[in-house]
Amino acid sequence: PEGAYDAHDPAGFEALLLGGAPAERPDAARDASPVTHAGPQAPPFLILHGTDDVLIPARQSVRLAEALRAAGHEPGLRLLDGGDHLWVGLTDADVEDCFTRTVDFARRRTGGG
């Protein structure tokens, strides 16, 4: 699935964030993109994304991870087969794994474990 993103939609979530359709506000869209900020000073990332997300294509997370690697980081990236937005469609075990990975990531980054 490619997601519901439409760069010309003046009422989409992105347009609400940018103050207009992304196609009409390319500079604002670029500034709002995490990929734009994936430089040497970027924080650690754990990226968990469902492959069937209908709102945000999983390829956006792959692109972010690639940009972070190019900047010298080692982001955690896990694509979850069949997962839609908000983990809809995942097994309870996959959802629990996401939660555990998130807690472990936070603990490691804050010195809590």
Protein backbone atom coordinates (compact mmCIF):
# COMPACT_ATOMS: atom_id res chain seq x y z
CA PRO A 1 0.00 0.00 0.00
CA GLU A 2 1.14 3.50 -0.80
CA GLY A 3 -0.72 5.27 1.98
CA ALA A 4 -3.33 8.00 1.73
CA TYR A 5 -0.86 10.84 1.17
CA ASP A 6 -1.81 13.37 -1.49
CA ALA A 7 0.59 16.28 -1.94
CA HIS A 8 -2.19 18.36 -3.51
CA ASP A 9 -4.81 17.82 -0.80
CA PRO A 10 -5.45 21.17 0.95
CA ALA A 11 -7.31 19.42 3.80
CA GLY A 12 -4.92 16.52 4.50
CA PHE A 13 -3.01 16.06 7.74
CA GLU A 14 0.16 17.36 6.11
CA ALA A 15 -1.62 20.48 4.85
CA LEU A 16 -2.92 21.17 8.34
CA LEU A 17 0.64 21.00 9.64
CA LEU A 18 2.13 23.10 6.85
CA GLY A 19 -0.61 25.66 6.40
CA GLY A 20 -1.34 24.48 2.86
CA ALA A 21 -0.98 21.55 0.50
CA PRO A 22 2.62 20.25 0.49
CA ALA A 23 2.79 20.66 -3.30
CA GLU A 24 2.14 24.36 -2.80
CA ARG A 25 4.50 24.69 0.18
CA PRO A 26 7.61 22.71 -0.81
CA ASP A 27 9.98 24.65 1.46
CA ALA A 28 7.74 24.11 4.51
CA ALA A 29 7.31 20.44 3.59
CA ARG A 30 11.07 19.98 3.31
CA ASP A 31 11.62 21.73 6.66
CA ALA A 32 8.98 19.51 8.32
CA SER A 33 10.47 16.28 7.01
CA PRO A 34 12.58 14.30 9.50
CA VAL A 35 14.81 13.26 6.58
CA THR A 36 15.89 16.88 6.20
CA HIS A 37 17.23 16.82 9.76
CA ALA A 38 19.03 13.46 9.59
CA GLY A 39 22.48 14.94 10.06
CA PRO A 40 25.36 14.26 12.43
CA GLN A 41 23.52 15.89 15.36
CA ALA A 42 20.36 13.78 15.01
CA PRO A 43 19.26 11.88 18.11
CA PRO A 44 19.07 8.09 18.30
CA PHE A 45 16.10 6.56 16.47
CA LEU A 46 14.01 3.44 16.85
CA ILE A 47 11.68 3.17 13.86
CA LEU A 48 8.82 0.66 13.93
CA HIS A 49 6.46 0.73 10.96
CA GLY A 50 3.74 -1.52 9.61
CA THR A 51 4.12 -2.58 5.99
CA ASP A 52 0.39 -2.08 5.34
CA ASP A 53 0.08 1.40 6.86
CA VAL A 54 -2.65 3.16 4.87
CA LEU A 55 -1.77 6.65 6.17
CA ILE A 56 2.03 6.74 5.97
CA PRO A 57 3.88 4.49 3.54
CA ALA A 58 6.52 2.31 5.19
CA ARG A 59 8.99 3.50 2.54
CA GLN A 60 9.10 6.83 4.41
CA SER A 61 10.56 5.08 7.45
CA VAL A 62 13.01 3.20 5.24
CA ARG A 63 14.07 6.50 3.68
CA LEU A 64 14.59 8.07 7.12
CA ALA A 65 16.68 5.11 8.28
CA GLU A 66 18.81 5.34 5.12
CA ALA A 67 19.36 9.08 5.65
CA LEU A 68 20.36 8.48 9.27
CA ARG A 69 22.81 5.74 8.24
CA ALA A 70 24.30 8.06 5.62
CA ALA A 71 24.85 10.62 8.41
CA GLY A 72 26.74 8.04 10.50
CA HIS A 73 23.96 6.80 12.78
CA GLU A 74 22.72 3.27 13.44
CA PRO A 75 18.94 3.61 13.65
CA GLY A 76 16.85 0.66 14.70
CA LEU A 77 14.36 -0.14 11.93
CA ARG A 78 11.76 -2.89 12.04
CA LEU A 79 9.07 -3.23 9.41
CA LEU A 80 6.12 -5.24 10.67
CA ASP A 81 4.47 -7.38 8.01
CA GLY A 82 0.76 -6.70 7.73
CA GLY A 83 0.72 -3.86 10.24
CA ASP A 84 -1.52 -0.89 9.51
CA HIS A 85 -1.41 2.49 11.25
CA LEU A 86 -1.53 2.22 15.07
CA TRP A 87 -0.54 -1.47 14.79
CA VAL A 88 -3.96 -2.55 13.50
CA GLY A 89 -3.66 -6.02 11.99
CA LEU A 90 -0.66 -7.12 14.05
CA THR A 91 -0.68 -10.09 16.37
CA ASP A 92 -0.64 -9.47 20.10
CA ALA A 93 2.91 -10.86 20.12
CA ASP A 94 4.06 -8.29 17.53
CA VAL A 95 2.42 -5.43 19.44
CA GLU A 96 4.05 -6.63 22.66
CA ASP A 97 7.40 -6.83 20.85
CA CYS A 98 7.00 -3.21 19.67
CA PHE A 99 6.23 -2.10 23.21
CA THR A 100 9.20 -4.02 24.63
CA ARG A 101 11.57 -2.66 21.98
CA THR A 102 10.37 0.88 22.70
CA VAL A 103 10.82 0.56 26.47
CA ASP A 104 14.25 -1.06 26.06
CA PHE A 105 15.30 1.67 23.62
CA ALA A 106 14.19 4.42 26.04
CA ARG A 107 15.96 2.75 28.96
CA ARG A 108 19.23 2.40 27.04
CA ARG A 109 19.12 6.03 25.88
CA THR A 110 18.35 7.43 29.34
CA GLY A 111 20.75 5.28 31.32
CA GLY A 112 17.97 3.22 32.85
CA GLY A 113 19.17 -0.17 31.74
